Structures are given as structure tokens and as C-alpha cells.
Amino acid sequence: MAKESSHAAQAAGVHRVVVIVDENSNPFELGCATEIFGLPRPEIGRDLYDFRLCSPEPRTLMRDGFFTLTGVAGLEAADAADTLIVPNRPDVEVPRRPAVLNVIRRAHARGARLVGFCSGAFTLAEAGVLDGRRATAHWQWADSFRARFPSVRLEPDVLFVDDGDILTAAGSAAALDLGLHVVRRDYGAEVANSVSRRLVFAAHRNGGQRQFVERPVPDSPDESLAPVLAWAQERLDSPLTVSDLAARAAVSPATLHRRFRAQLGTTPLTWLTGERLALACRLIERGESRFEMVARRSGLGTAANLRTLMRRATGITPSAYRSRFGPDAN
């Protein structure tokens, strides 16, 4: 496996993402990081990240001895990371290597962004960088995590937590959600949507969505939400309500609410607002500078409402979002 995504990206000063791979690391999350941050992006026209793997040993035995990873950089590569993805492994009670923990502490001290997928939250907590901070981890380890790290504000029911410079994801597939969230933070919704299309994965699942979905596959085809979701996405500029969605699905609002909870892990209103915000972001990225028009075309009503909801969702105002991700952004 290549040590880094491209020399061209490095020369261009592209944001560097480094993944630390240690003994018994999970290959799935490593694959997620590679897919999102490590592949060339000809469909976008530029590389998004300079990506490399590193390990404290020349040969790293992956989870359950599935395979051995060789040919990656040494642990010193982590000292150049802008974003550092820490090891995650299923044996959460096994202490992490002091050398790995020290690298994480140094990265945190110099202001690098830290990311932990699944049990990676244990690595971050053991390094001491999560004290007093919000985080999540796989739901099956919630009790163990709380017992070992009571000073961390664990949120066990969400897909991922963005706490600014430290981001954590729940189990397995939530690594894709968090990875796409990072791309969205760095490059905006349009680029993140392009990456998600190549992954054939949902462009946006809100981090606050529940980890455990009771019925990921509906019991019968006629209970699928897909038709009503597609219908609503084509009409986001209309004054849709939860009652409108329920009427389209030919069910009561209460039944619709239960189906959203069961199939998507969220509420109809939260989903609808998230879709409208995503559309608003795309409109701004494509050059619509009139915020009243953005609000109207995305169904958010007014520029004031757009400003409130965008700041709540992204942490920045529409003007700041345009400066960062609009057509004239540097």
C-alpha cells in the first residue's frame, strides 16, 4: 500500500491526512479513510488531501491476523499531519503503545485535527486529549468507556461527534459518515456530494442520528420511506410540513414519525431541515449570492432563518460559508 496519495498533492501544500495503523487495527475503518481521503479525484479536478499511512513497526499485523501491512511510513510521519486519524482496534482493554499516545499528544498540542473511528475514542481518551470533551464510540463499548474515562462527555447514541479539533465516530459505517462530514467541513457540500456519489453512499447523515436503527431494512416494501423522501427532495422549495409528508406516504403523522425513527434514526422535521440546509449550501457554492433567494429556493423561508440554521449546523454564517466555499473562494 502506498505511503501517500500523491507527491503532487504534497508539493501543492494540500491538507495532509495521516492514519496511524497499529497492531490489531480494524481494516474496515482503514479502508474508509483510504477511500475518502486517499484516492485521486479526477471527477473533481484536483486532489483534496495528501494522504499517508504510518505505523510504529515495519510490519503490522492487522485485526485477528487477517493480513500484515508493510511498506508504510514510520511513526514520525504523524508529526507532519494536519489531520491525524488514530488507531482503532477491537481489544479496547489493551493499553495503547506509549509511542503512539505521545504522537497524539504532540499533534494535539500543535493544533492538528484528531479523528477517532469506532474504538479510536479509547485511543484518544487514553492519550488524555478527551478530558472534559464530547465524544462518541461504538454503543457496545459505552459502559466500558464510561467506567475507564469518566471525565469524557460520552454521547453513545449518535453517529459521530464534531467537537471542533477532535472528531469521533461510532461503529464501522459511521466512519464513512464522519469522513464525509470532514470533507464537507473542508470543501463544502458540493465536493462532499461528489465524494459520496463515488462511494455510492448517502451524502449526508446528521451526526446526531442514532447509532442503532431497529429496522435498517423495512419489514415490507410498502413501508419504505424511499418514495416519500424522493418526492420531498424534489419539492424542498415548497412549504412542506410533516403532515404533508405523512399524507404523501398515506399514513398518520405518528406512524410516519415511527418509520423515520426506525428506518433513518431521526425525525421527519430534522430530516427535512437537514435536506433544506444541504440544498442551501449547494446553492451558495454554485454562486447564488442573494441569501433571501437561497432561503426561498431551499424552503428555509427567510435570510434570517437561513442564518440561524446554518450557524447552528456549520458554526459559520452564510456570508462566511460563501467566502470559504463559493465560486470565488481561494
C-alpha atoms as a PDB file:
ATOM      1  CA  MET A   1       0.000   0.000   0.000  1.00  0.00           C
ATOM      2  CA  ALA A   2       1.390   3.405  -0.930  1.00  0.00           C
ATOM      3  CA  LYS A   3       2.741   5.613   1.778  1.00  0.00           C
ATOM      4  CA  GLU A   4       0.998   8.699   0.460  1.00  0.00           C
ATOM      5  CA  SER A   5      -1.651   9.640  -2.038  1.00  0.00           C
ATOM      6  CA  SER A   6       0.447  11.773  -4.374  1.00  0.00           C
ATOM      7  CA  HIS A   7       3.655  13.731  -4.491  1.00  0.00           C
ATOM      8  CA  ALA A   8       1.793  16.397  -6.460  1.00  0.00           C
ATOM      9  CA  ALA A   9      -0.622  16.951  -3.589  1.00  0.00           C
ATOM     10  CA  GLN A  10       2.266  17.289  -1.159  1.00  0.00           C
ATOM     11  CA  ALA A  11       4.024  19.792  -3.396  1.00  0.00           C
ATOM     12  CA  ALA A  12       0.830  21.826  -3.741  1.00  0.00           C
ATOM     13  CA  GLY A  13       0.521  22.188   0.023  1.00  0.00           C
ATOM     14  CA  VAL A  14      -2.709  20.192   0.230  1.00  0.00           C
ATOM     15  CA  HIS A  15      -4.063  19.347   3.676  1.00  0.00           C
ATOM     16  CA  ARG A  16      -2.204  16.268   4.919  1.00  0.00           C
ATOM     17  CA  VAL A  17      -4.144  13.378   6.451  1.00  0.00           C
ATOM     18  CA  VAL A  18      -2.127  10.715   8.247  1.00  0.00           C
ATOM     19  CA  VAL A  19      -3.549   7.440   9.584  1.00  0.00           C
ATOM     20  CA  ILE A  20      -1.702   5.620  12.350  1.00  0.00           C
ATOM     21  CA  VAL A  21      -2.027   1.859  11.907  1.00  0.00           C
ATOM     22  CA  ASP A  22      -1.068  -0.256  14.900  1.00  0.00           C
ATOM     23  CA  GLU A  23      -1.219  -3.937  15.783  1.00  0.00           C
ATOM     24  CA  ASN A  24      -4.737  -5.418  15.556  1.00  0.00           C
ATOM     25  CA  SER A  25      -6.163  -2.314  13.851  1.00  0.00           C
ATOM     26  CA  ASN A  26      -9.512  -2.735  12.088  1.00  0.00           C
ATOM     27  CA  PRO A  27      -9.149  -2.917   8.294  1.00  0.00           C
ATOM     28  CA  PHE A  28     -12.672  -1.625   7.610  1.00  0.00           C
ATOM     29  CA  GLU A  29     -12.074   1.814   9.099  1.00  0.00           C
ATOM     30  CA  LEU A  30      -8.667   1.937   7.413  1.00  0.00           C
ATOM     31  CA  GLY A  31     -10.447   1.267   4.133  1.00  0.00           C
ATOM     32  CA  CYS A  32     -12.950   4.055   4.853  1.00  0.00           C
ATOM     33  CA  ALA A  33     -10.147   6.552   5.476  1.00  0.00           C
ATOM     34  CA  THR A  34      -8.345   5.461   2.311  1.00  0.00           C
ATOM     35  CA  GLU A  35     -11.476   5.720   0.168  1.00  0.00           C
ATOM     36  CA  ILE A  36     -12.389   9.190   1.416  1.00  0.00           C
ATOM     37  CA  PHE A  37      -9.025  10.860   1.892  1.00  0.00           C
ATOM     38  CA  GLY A  38      -6.549   8.817  -0.133  1.00  0.00           C
ATOM     39  CA  LEU A  39      -7.900   8.411  -3.663  1.00  0.00           C
ATOM     40  CA  PRO A  40      -7.264  10.746  -6.611  1.00  0.00           C
ATOM     41  CA  ARG A  41     -10.324  12.817  -7.527  1.00  0.00           C
ATOM     42  CA  PRO A  42     -10.379  13.222 -11.321  1.00  0.00           C
ATOM     43  CA  GLU A  43     -14.111  13.855 -11.132  1.00  0.00           C
ATOM     44  CA  ILE A  44     -13.370  16.980  -9.079  1.00  0.00           C
ATOM     45  CA  GLY A  45     -10.267  18.009 -10.979  1.00  0.00           C
ATOM     46  CA  ARG A  46      -7.842  18.138  -8.083  1.00  0.00           C
ATOM     47  CA  ASP A  47      -6.564  16.120  -5.158  1.00  0.00           C
ATOM     48  CA  LEU A  48      -8.287  17.017  -1.912  1.00  0.00           C
ATOM     49  CA  TYR A  49      -5.759  15.588   0.525  1.00  0.00           C
ATOM     50  CA  ASP A  50      -2.193  14.404   0.789  1.00  0.00           C
ATOM     51  CA  PHE A  51      -2.717  11.030   2.404  1.00  0.00           C
ATOM     52  CA  ARG A  52      -0.350   8.601   4.024  1.00  0.00           C
ATOM     53  CA  LEU A  53      -0.267   5.697   6.424  1.00  0.00           C
ATOM     54  CA  CYS A  54       2.248   5.250   9.193  1.00  0.00           C
ATOM     55  CA  SER A  55       2.980   2.622  11.801  1.00  0.00           C
ATOM     56  CA  PRO A  56       5.294   2.203  14.788  1.00  0.00           C
ATOM     57  CA  GLU A  57       6.572  -1.076  13.285  1.00  0.00           C
ATOM     58  CA  PRO A  58       7.792  -2.088   9.796  1.00  0.00           C
ATOM     59  CA  ARG A  59       5.295  -4.980   9.791  1.00  0.00           C
ATOM     60  CA  THR A  60       1.854  -4.523  11.326  1.00  0.00           C
ATOM     61  CA  LEU A  61      -0.426  -7.498  11.906  1.00  0.00           C
ATOM     62  CA  MET A  62      -3.980  -6.333  11.323  1.00  0.00           C
ATOM     63  CA  ARG A  63      -7.102  -7.439  13.191  1.00  0.00           C
ATOM     64  CA  ASP A  64      -7.235 -11.157  14.010  1.00  0.00           C
ATOM     65  CA  GLY A  65      -4.219 -11.761  11.790  1.00  0.00           C
ATOM     66  CA  PHE A  66      -6.220 -11.176   8.592  1.00  0.00           C
ATOM     67  CA  PHE A  67      -3.141  -9.759   6.867  1.00  0.00           C
ATOM     68  CA  THR A  68       0.150  -7.967   7.539  1.00  0.00           C
ATOM     69  CA  LEU A  69       0.641  -4.358   6.478  1.00  0.00           C
ATOM     70  CA  THR A  70       4.108  -3.373   5.251  1.00  0.00           C
ATOM     71  CA  GLY A  71       5.718  -0.604   3.234  1.00  0.00           C
ATOM     72  CA  VAL A  72       4.196   2.344   5.101  1.00  0.00           C
ATOM     73  CA  ALA A  73       5.927   5.289   6.714  1.00  0.00           C
ATOM     74  CA  GLY A  74       7.291   5.264  10.233  1.00  0.00           C
ATOM     75  CA  LEU A  75       5.516   6.888  13.135  1.00  0.00           C
ATOM     76  CA  GLU A  76       7.448  10.124  12.591  1.00  0.00           C
ATOM     77  CA  ALA A  77       5.151  10.854   9.612  1.00  0.00           C
ATOM     78  CA  ALA A  78       2.366  11.641  12.092  1.00  0.00           C
ATOM     79  CA  ASP A  79       4.274  14.729  13.222  1.00  0.00           C
ATOM     80  CA  ALA A  80       3.530  16.357   9.852  1.00  0.00           C
ATOM     81  CA  ALA A  81      -0.217  15.645   9.900  1.00  0.00           C
ATOM     82  CA  ASP A  82      -2.824  18.378   9.637  1.00  0.00           C
ATOM     83  CA  THR A  83      -5.418  15.710  10.414  1.00  0.00           C
ATOM     84  CA  LEU A  84      -4.367  12.640  12.378  1.00  0.00           C
ATOM     85  CA  ILE A  85      -6.587   9.542  12.387  1.00  0.00           C
ATOM     86  CA  VAL A  86      -5.735   7.407  15.407  1.00  0.00           C
ATOM     87  CA  PRO A  87      -5.693   3.585  15.654  1.00  0.00           C
ATOM     88  CA  ASN A  88      -8.869   1.692  16.427  1.00  0.00           C
ATOM     89  CA  ARG A  89      -8.906  -1.952  17.485  1.00  0.00           C
ATOM     90  CA  PRO A  90     -11.447  -4.369  18.964  1.00  0.00           C
ATOM     91  CA  ASP A  91      -9.415  -5.219  22.096  1.00  0.00           C
ATOM     92  CA  VAL A  92     -10.283  -1.954  23.791  1.00  0.00           C
ATOM     93  CA  GLU A  93      -8.895  -3.019  27.187  1.00  0.00           C
ATOM     94  CA  VAL A  94      -5.358  -3.475  25.820  1.00  0.00           C
ATOM     95  CA  PRO A  95      -3.224  -0.377  26.536  1.00  0.00           C
ATOM     96  CA  ARG A  96      -2.018   1.551  23.501  1.00  0.00           C
ATOM     97  CA  ARG A  97       1.673   1.937  22.801  1.00  0.00           C
ATOM     98  CA  PRO A  98       3.234   4.867  24.672  1.00  0.00           C
ATOM     99  CA  ALA A  99       4.911   5.992  21.424  1.00  0.00           C
ATOM    100  CA  VAL A 100       1.519   6.232  19.708  1.00  0.00           C
ATOM    101  CA  LEU A 101      -0.029   8.105  22.629  1.00  0.00           C
ATOM    102  CA  ASN A 102       2.873  10.555  22.664  1.00  0.00           C
ATOM    103  CA  VAL A 103       2.462  11.264  18.947  1.00  0.00           C
ATOM    104  CA  ILE A 104      -1.234  12.002  19.524  1.00  0.00           C
ATOM    105  CA  ARG A 105      -0.415  14.345  22.389  1.00  0.00           C
ATOM    106  CA  ARG A 106       2.126  16.207  20.267  1.00  0.00           C
ATOM    107  CA  ALA A 107      -0.339  16.535  17.398  1.00  0.00           C
ATOM    108  CA  HIS A 108      -2.987  17.909  19.727  1.00  0.00           C
ATOM    109  CA  ALA A 109      -0.545  20.374  21.273  1.00  0.00           C
ATOM    110  CA  ARG A 110       0.387  21.826  17.879  1.00  0.00           C
ATOM    111  CA  GLY A 111      -3.242  22.180  16.795  1.00  0.00           C
ATOM    112  CA  ALA A 112      -3.712  19.233  14.445  1.00  0.00           C
ATOM    113  CA  ARG A 113      -7.211  17.879  13.960  1.00  0.00           C
ATOM    114  CA  LEU A 114      -7.679  14.473  15.612  1.00  0.00           C
ATOM    115  CA  VAL A 115     -10.112  11.832  14.373  1.00  0.00           C
ATOM    116  CA  GLY A 116     -11.110   8.557  16.021  1.00  0.00           C
ATOM    117  CA  PHE A 117     -13.255   5.965  14.257  1.00  0.00           C
ATOM    118  CA  CYS A 118     -15.197   3.417  16.335  1.00  0.00           C
ATOM    119  CA  SER A 119     -12.898   2.336  19.207  1.00  0.00           C
ATOM    120  CA  GLY A 120     -10.473   5.104  18.259  1.00  0.00           C
ATOM    121  CA  ALA A 121     -12.155   7.103  21.013  1.00  0.00           C
ATOM    122  CA  PHE A 122     -10.406   4.803  23.507  1.00  0.00           C
ATOM    123  CA  THR A 123      -7.047   5.726  21.973  1.00  0.00           C
ATOM    124  CA  LEU A 124      -7.806   9.441  22.175  1.00  0.00           C
ATOM    125  CA  ALA A 125      -9.053   9.148  25.744  1.00  0.00           C
ATOM    126  CA  GLU A 126      -6.014   7.143  26.801  1.00  0.00           C
ATOM    127  CA  ALA A 127      -3.822   9.903  25.355  1.00  0.00           C
ATOM    128  CA  GLY A 128      -5.644  12.333  27.667  1.00  0.00           C
ATOM    129  CA  VAL A 129      -6.879  14.668  24.933  1.00  0.00           C
ATOM    130  CA  LEU A 130     -10.585  13.962  25.513  1.00  0.00           C
ATOM    131  CA  ASP A 131     -10.777  15.054  29.154  1.00  0.00           C
ATOM    132  CA  GLY A 132     -13.806  17.328  29.504  1.00  0.00           C
ATOM    133  CA  ARG A 133     -14.609  16.933  25.805  1.00  0.00           C
ATOM    134  CA  ARG A 134     -17.557  15.451  23.887  1.00  0.00           C
ATOM    135  CA  ALA A 135     -17.048  12.135  22.114  1.00  0.00           C
ATOM    136  CA  THR A 136     -18.784   9.003  20.917  1.00  0.00           C
ATOM    137  CA  ALA A 137     -17.816   5.371  20.412  1.00  0.00           C
ATOM    138  CA  HIS A 138     -19.474   2.144  19.373  1.00  0.00           C
ATOM    139  CA  TRP A 139     -22.572   1.600  21.504  1.00  0.00           C
ATOM    140  CA  GLN A 140     -21.451  -1.862  22.678  1.00  0.00           C
ATOM    141  CA  TRP A 141     -18.475  -0.308  24.482  1.00  0.00           C
ATOM    142  CA  ALA A 142     -20.319   2.621  26.061  1.00  0.00           C
ATOM    143  CA  ASP A 143     -20.337   1.212  29.600  1.00  0.00           C
ATOM    144  CA  SER A 144     -16.680   0.200  29.419  1.00  0.00           C
ATOM    145  CA  PHE A 145     -15.713   3.614  28.089  1.00  0.00           C
ATOM    146  CA  ARG A 146     -17.595   5.485  30.807  1.00  0.00           C
ATOM    147  CA  ALA A 147     -16.023   3.328  33.523  1.00  0.00           C
ATOM    148  CA  ARG A 148     -12.477   3.940  32.266  1.00  0.00           C
ATOM    149  CA  PHE A 149     -12.818   7.585  31.225  1.00  0.00           C
ATOM    150  CA  PRO A 150     -15.415   9.297  33.440  1.00  0.00           C
ATOM    151  CA  SER A 151     -14.091  12.768  32.590  1.00  0.00           C
ATOM    152  CA  VAL A 152     -15.100  12.391  28.919  1.00  0.00           C
ATOM    153  CA  ARG A 153     -18.611  13.529  27.974  1.00  0.00           C
ATOM    154  CA  LEU A 154     -19.643  10.396  26.082  1.00  0.00           C
ATOM    155  CA  GLU A 155     -22.618  10.636  23.716  1.00  0.00           C
ATOM    156  CA  PRO A 156     -23.316   6.962  22.979  1.00  0.00           C
ATOM    157  CA  ASP A 157     -26.450   7.320  20.857  1.00  0.00           C
ATOM    158  CA  VAL A 158     -25.112   9.358  17.918  1.00  0.00           C
ATOM    159  CA  LEU A 159     -23.262   8.519  14.706  1.00  0.00           C
ATOM    160  CA  PHE A 160     -20.447  10.979  15.253  1.00  0.00           C
ATOM    161  CA  VAL A 161     -19.422  13.967  17.337  1.00  0.00           C
ATOM    162  CA  ASP A 162     -17.671  17.035  15.938  1.00  0.00           C
ATOM    163  CA  ASP A 163     -16.070  18.809  18.876  1.00  0.00           C
ATOM    164  CA  GLY A 164     -14.011  21.186  16.772  1.00  0.00           C
ATOM    165  CA  ASP A 165     -10.453  19.890  16.651  1.00  0.00           C
ATOM    166  CA  ILE A 166     -11.386  16.386  17.862  1.00  0.00           C
ATOM    167  CA  LEU A 167     -13.946  14.284  15.999  1.00  0.00           C
ATOM    168  CA  THR A 168     -15.117  10.784  16.879  1.00  0.00           C
ATOM    169  CA  ALA A 169     -17.369   8.299  15.087  1.00  0.00           C
ATOM    170  CA  ALA A 170     -19.401   5.364  16.315  1.00  0.00           C
ATOM    171  CA  GLY A 171     -19.159   1.847  14.934  1.00  0.00           C
ATOM    172  CA  SER A 172     -17.969   0.818  11.496  1.00  0.00           C
ATOM    173  CA  ALA A 173     -20.102   2.539   8.813  1.00  0.00           C
ATOM    174  CA  ALA A 174     -20.239   5.751  10.873  1.00  0.00           C
ATOM    175  CA  ALA A 175     -16.602   6.201   9.798  1.00  0.00           C
ATOM    176  CA  LEU A 176     -17.931   6.985   6.326  1.00  0.00           C
ATOM    177  CA  ASP A 177     -20.400   9.483   7.770  1.00  0.00           C
ATOM    178  CA  LEU A 178     -17.691  11.264   9.740  1.00  0.00           C
ATOM    179  CA  GLY A 179     -15.235  11.155   6.849  1.00  0.00           C
ATOM    180  CA  LEU A 180     -17.751  12.806   4.529  1.00  0.00           C
ATOM    181  CA  HIS A 181     -18.527  15.329   7.258  1.00  0.00           C
ATOM    182  CA  VAL A 182     -14.833  16.239   7.369  1.00  0.00           C
ATOM    183  CA  VAL A 183     -14.777  16.676   3.574  1.00  0.00           C
ATOM    184  CA  ARG A 184     -17.893  18.842   3.854  1.00  0.00           C
ATOM    185  CA  ARG A 185     -16.212  20.958   6.532  1.00  0.00           C
ATOM    186  CA  ASP A 186     -13.087  21.367   4.435  1.00  0.00           C
ATOM    187  CA  TYR A 187     -14.529  21.778   0.935  1.00  0.00           C
ATOM    188  CA  GLY A 188     -18.281  22.277   1.190  1.00  0.00           C
ATOM    189  CA  ALA A 189     -21.385  20.240   0.398  1.00  0.00           C
ATOM    190  CA  GLU A 190     -20.889  20.059  -3.364  1.00  0.00           C
ATOM    191  CA  VAL A 191     -17.486  18.371  -3.113  1.00  0.00           C
ATOM    192  CA  ALA A 192     -18.687  16.076  -0.315  1.00  0.00           C
ATOM    193  CA  ASN A 193     -21.633  15.058  -2.503  1.00  0.00           C
ATOM    194  CA  SER A 194     -19.234  14.195  -5.329  1.00  0.00           C
ATOM    195  CA  VAL A 195     -17.164  12.015  -2.990  1.00  0.00           C
ATOM    196  CA  SER A 196     -20.304  10.311  -1.659  1.00  0.00           C
ATOM    197  CA  ARG A 197     -21.564   9.568  -5.173  1.00  0.00           C
ATOM    198  CA  ARG A 198     -18.330   7.764  -5.963  1.00  0.00           C
ATOM    199  CA  LEU A 199     -18.726   5.819  -2.726  1.00  0.00           C
ATOM    200  CA  VAL A 200     -22.373   5.077  -3.581  1.00  0.00           C
ATOM    201  CA  PHE A 201     -23.158   6.205  -0.054  1.00  0.00           C
ATOM    202  CA  ALA A 202     -25.600   8.672   1.485  1.00  0.00           C
ATOM    203  CA  ALA A 203     -24.214  12.166   1.060  1.00  0.00           C
ATOM    204  CA  HIS A 204     -25.264  13.300   4.498  1.00  0.00           C
ATOM    205  CA  ARG A 205     -26.464  11.582   7.634  1.00  0.00           C
ATOM    206  CA  ASN A 206     -26.560  14.000  10.521  1.00  0.00           C
ATOM    207  CA  GLY A 207     -24.109  13.236  13.315  1.00  0.00           C
ATOM    208  CA  GLY A 208     -26.931  13.371  15.831  1.00  0.00           C
ATOM    209  CA  GLN A 209     -28.711  10.454  14.172  1.00  0.00           C
ATOM    210  CA  ARG A 210     -28.948   7.419  16.433  1.00  0.00           C
ATOM    211  CA  GLN A 211     -26.330   4.671  16.103  1.00  0.00           C
ATOM    212  CA  PHE A 212     -28.693   1.766  16.480  1.00  0.00           C
ATOM    213  CA  VAL A 213     -31.523   1.611  13.960  1.00  0.00           C
ATOM    214  CA  GLU A 214     -34.052  -1.014  14.958  1.00  0.00           C
ATOM    215  CA  ARG A 215     -35.088  -1.945  11.414  1.00  0.00           C
ATOM    216  CA  PRO A 216     -32.433  -0.984   8.882  1.00  0.00           C
ATOM    217  CA  VAL A 217     -34.424  -2.907   6.247  1.00  0.00           C
ATOM    218  CA  PRO A 218     -38.206  -2.378   6.291  1.00  0.00           C
ATOM    219  CA  ASP A 219     -40.345  -5.421   7.084  1.00  0.00           C
ATOM    220  CA  SER A 220     -42.379  -4.966   3.915  1.00  0.00           C
ATOM    221  CA  PRO A 221     -41.710  -2.959   0.753  1.00  0.00           C
ATOM    222  CA  ASP A 222     -44.697  -0.652   1.133  1.00  0.00           C
ATOM    223  CA  GLU A 223     -43.250   0.708   4.382  1.00  0.00           C
ATOM    224  CA  SER A 224     -40.098   2.005   2.720  1.00  0.00           C
ATOM    225  CA  LEU A 225     -39.576   5.747   3.069  1.00  0.00           C
ATOM    226  CA  ALA A 226     -37.699   5.997  -0.247  1.00  0.00           C
ATOM    227  CA  PRO A 227     -40.686   7.203  -2.335  1.00  0.00           C
ATOM    228  CA  VAL A 228     -41.697   9.954   0.071  1.00  0.00           C
ATOM    229  CA  LEU A 229     -38.073  11.050   0.562  1.00  0.00           C
ATOM    230  CA  ALA A 230     -37.569  11.346  -3.194  1.00  0.00           C
ATOM    231  CA  TRP A 231     -40.871  13.223  -3.514  1.00  0.00           C
ATOM    232  CA  ALA A 232     -39.903  15.692  -0.788  1.00  0.00           C
ATOM    233  CA  GLN A 233     -36.392  16.259  -2.186  1.00  0.00           C
ATOM    234  CA  GLU A 234     -37.941  17.452  -5.443  1.00  0.00           C
ATOM    235  CA  ARG A 235     -40.106  19.977  -3.560  1.00  0.00           C
ATOM    236  CA  LEU A 236     -37.800  21.466  -0.934  1.00  0.00           C
ATOM    237  CA  ASP A 237     -38.690  24.984  -2.061  1.00  0.00           C
ATOM    238  CA  SER A 238     -42.330  24.322  -1.173  1.00  0.00           C
ATOM    239  CA  PRO A 239     -43.717  24.880   2.340  1.00  0.00           C
ATOM    240  CA  LEU A 240     -43.714  21.176   3.182  1.00  0.00           C
ATOM    241  CA  THR A 241     -44.780  20.050   6.631  1.00  0.00           C
ATOM    242  CA  VAL A 242     -44.633  16.734   8.438  1.00  0.00           C
ATOM    243  CA  SER A 243     -48.356  16.409   7.754  1.00  0.00           C
ATOM    244  CA  ASP A 244     -47.650  16.801   4.024  1.00  0.00           C
ATOM    245  CA  LEU A 245     -45.076  14.004   4.174  1.00  0.00           C
ATOM    246  CA  ALA A 246     -47.486  11.798   6.090  1.00  0.00           C
ATOM    247  CA  ALA A 247     -50.252  12.444   3.586  1.00  0.00           C
ATOM    248  CA  ARG A 248     -47.931  11.565   0.708  1.00  0.00           C
ATOM    249  CA  ALA A 249     -46.990   8.316   2.471  1.00  0.00           C
ATOM    250  CA  ALA A 250     -50.685   7.669   3.205  1.00  0.00           C
ATOM    251  CA  VAL A 251     -50.058   7.246   6.930  1.00  0.00           C
ATOM    252  CA  SER A 252     -50.714   9.280  10.049  1.00  0.00           C
ATOM    253  CA  PRO A 253     -48.035  11.719  11.286  1.00  0.00           C
ATOM    254  CA  ALA A 254     -47.455   9.439  14.276  1.00  0.00           C
ATOM    255  CA  THR A 255     -46.843   6.422  12.020  1.00  0.00           C
ATOM    256  CA  LEU A 256     -44.535   8.484   9.803  1.00  0.00           C
ATOM    257  CA  HIS A 257     -42.584   9.563  12.868  1.00  0.00           C
ATOM    258  CA  ARG A 258     -42.165   5.931  13.954  1.00  0.00           C
ATOM    259  CA  ARG A 259     -40.983   4.909  10.489  1.00  0.00           C
ATOM    260  CA  PHE A 260     -38.446   7.735  10.347  1.00  0.00           C
ATOM    261  CA  ARG A 261     -37.114   6.697  13.749  1.00  0.00           C
ATOM    262  CA  ALA A 262     -36.952   3.039  12.752  1.00  0.00           C
ATOM    263  CA  GLN A 263     -35.503   3.446   9.255  1.00  0.00           C
ATOM    264  CA  LEU A 264     -33.442   6.652   9.473  1.00  0.00           C
ATOM    265  CA  GLY A 265     -32.889   7.113  13.180  1.00  0.00           C
ATOM    266  CA  THR A 266     -34.188  10.690  13.091  1.00  0.00           C
ATOM    267  CA  THR A 267     -37.440  12.661  12.963  1.00  0.00           C
ATOM    268  CA  PRO A 268     -39.224  13.864   9.802  1.00  0.00           C
ATOM    269  CA  LEU A 269     -38.693  17.527  10.705  1.00  0.00           C
ATOM    270  CA  THR A 270     -34.986  17.064  11.427  1.00  0.00           C
ATOM    271  CA  TRP A 271     -34.527  15.210   8.138  1.00  0.00           C
ATOM    272  CA  LEU A 272     -36.428  17.865   6.178  1.00  0.00           C
ATOM    273  CA  THR A 273     -34.442  20.711   7.736  1.00  0.00           C
ATOM    274  CA  GLY A 274     -31.174  18.909   7.023  1.00  0.00           C
ATOM    275  CA  GLU A 275     -32.113  18.419   3.356  1.00  0.00           C
ATOM    276  CA  ARG A 276     -33.015  22.093   3.035  1.00  0.00           C
ATOM    277  CA  LEU A 277     -29.748  23.177   4.605  1.00  0.00           C
ATOM    278  CA  ALA A 278     -27.798  20.903   2.272  1.00  0.00           C
ATOM    279  CA  LEU A 279     -29.589  22.455  -0.707  1.00  0.00           C
ATOM    280  CA  ALA A 280     -28.887  25.958   0.635  1.00  0.00           C
ATOM    281  CA  CYS A 281     -25.180  25.125   0.891  1.00  0.00           C
ATOM    282  CA  ARG A 282     -25.113  23.851  -2.690  1.00  0.00           C
ATOM    283  CA  LEU A 283     -26.840  26.983  -3.965  1.00  0.00           C
ATOM    284  CA  ILE A 284     -24.269  29.193  -2.228  1.00  0.00           C
ATOM    285  CA  GLU A 285     -21.409  27.086  -3.581  1.00  0.00           C
ATOM    286  CA  ARG A 286     -22.814  27.424  -7.108  1.00  0.00           C
ATOM    287  CA  GLY A 287     -22.793  31.207  -6.870  1.00  0.00           C
ATOM    288  CA  GLU A 288     -26.196  32.345  -5.605  1.00  0.00           C
ATOM    289  CA  SER A 289     -25.226  35.437  -3.591  1.00  0.00           C
ATOM    290  CA  ARG A 290     -28.721  36.632  -2.620  1.00  0.00           C
ATOM    291  CA  PHE A 291     -29.403  34.968   0.698  1.00  0.00           C
ATOM    292  CA  GLU A 292     -33.117  35.733   0.563  1.00  0.00           C
ATOM    293  CA  MET A 293     -33.210  33.800  -2.712  1.00  0.00           C
ATOM    294  CA  VAL A 294     -31.191  30.939  -1.201  1.00  0.00           C
ATOM    295  CA  ALA A 295     -33.616  30.764   1.711  1.00  0.00           C
ATOM    296  CA  ARG A 296     -36.643  30.839  -0.577  1.00  0.00           C
ATOM    297  CA  ARG A 297     -35.324  28.215  -3.033  1.00  0.00           C
ATOM    298  CA  SER A 298     -34.303  25.846  -0.241  1.00  0.00           C
ATOM    299  CA  GLY A 299     -37.555  26.194   1.672  1.00  0.00           C
ATOM    300  CA  LEU A 300     -35.975  27.888   4.679  1.00  0.00           C
ATOM    301  CA  GLY A 301     -38.160  30.959   4.280  1.00  0.00           C
ATOM    302  CA  THR A 302     -36.078  33.985   5.181  1.00  0.00           C
ATOM    303  CA  ALA A 303     -32.441  35.012   5.212  1.00  0.00           C
ATOM    304  CA  ALA A 304     -32.660  35.353   8.985  1.00  0.00           C
ATOM    305  CA  ASN A 305     -33.837  31.759   9.344  1.00  0.00           C
ATOM    306  CA  LEU A 306     -31.130  30.618   6.937  1.00  0.00           C
ATOM    307  CA  ARG A 307     -28.516  32.425   9.012  1.00  0.00           C
ATOM    308  CA  THR A 308     -29.744  30.912  12.276  1.00  0.00           C
ATOM    309  CA  LEU A 309     -29.950  27.352  10.989  1.00  0.00           C
ATOM    310  CA  MET A 310     -26.674  27.477   9.052  1.00  0.00           C
ATOM    311  CA  ARG A 311     -24.778  28.834  12.026  1.00  0.00           C
ATOM    312  CA  ARG A 312     -26.275  26.110  14.200  1.00  0.00           C
ATOM    313  CA  ALA A 313     -25.393  23.368  11.693  1.00  0.00           C
ATOM    314  CA  THR A 314     -21.998  24.531  10.411  1.00  0.00           C
ATOM    315  CA  GLY A 315     -20.798  27.025  13.002  1.00  0.00           C
ATOM    316  CA  ILE A 316     -20.488  29.824  10.423  1.00  0.00           C
ATOM    317  CA  THR A 317     -22.796  32.361   8.753  1.00  0.00           C
ATOM    318  CA  PRO A 318     -23.941  32.188   5.123  1.00  0.00           C
ATOM    319  CA  SER A 319     -21.522  35.020   4.278  1.00  0.00           C
ATOM    320  CA  ALA A 320     -18.621  33.139   5.817  1.00  0.00           C
ATOM    321  CA  TYR A 321     -19.721  29.960   4.038  1.00  0.00           C
ATOM    322  CA  ARG A 322     -19.745  31.802   0.702  1.00  0.00           C
ATOM    323  CA  SER A 323     -16.266  33.191   1.359  1.00  0.00           C
ATOM    324  CA  ARG A 324     -14.960  29.726   2.130  1.00  0.00           C
ATOM    325  CA  PHE A 325     -16.807  27.578  -0.425  1.00  0.00           C
ATOM    326  CA  GLY A 326     -18.290  29.921  -3.035  1.00  0.00           C
ATOM    327  CA  PRO A 327     -17.052  30.221  -6.652  1.00  0.00           C
ATOM    328  CA  ASP A 328     -14.599  32.989  -5.709  1.00  0.00           C
ATOM    329  CA  ALA A 329     -13.121  31.169  -2.704  1.00  0.00           C
ATOM    330  CA  ASN A 330      -9.356  30.842  -2.703  1.00  0.00           C
END
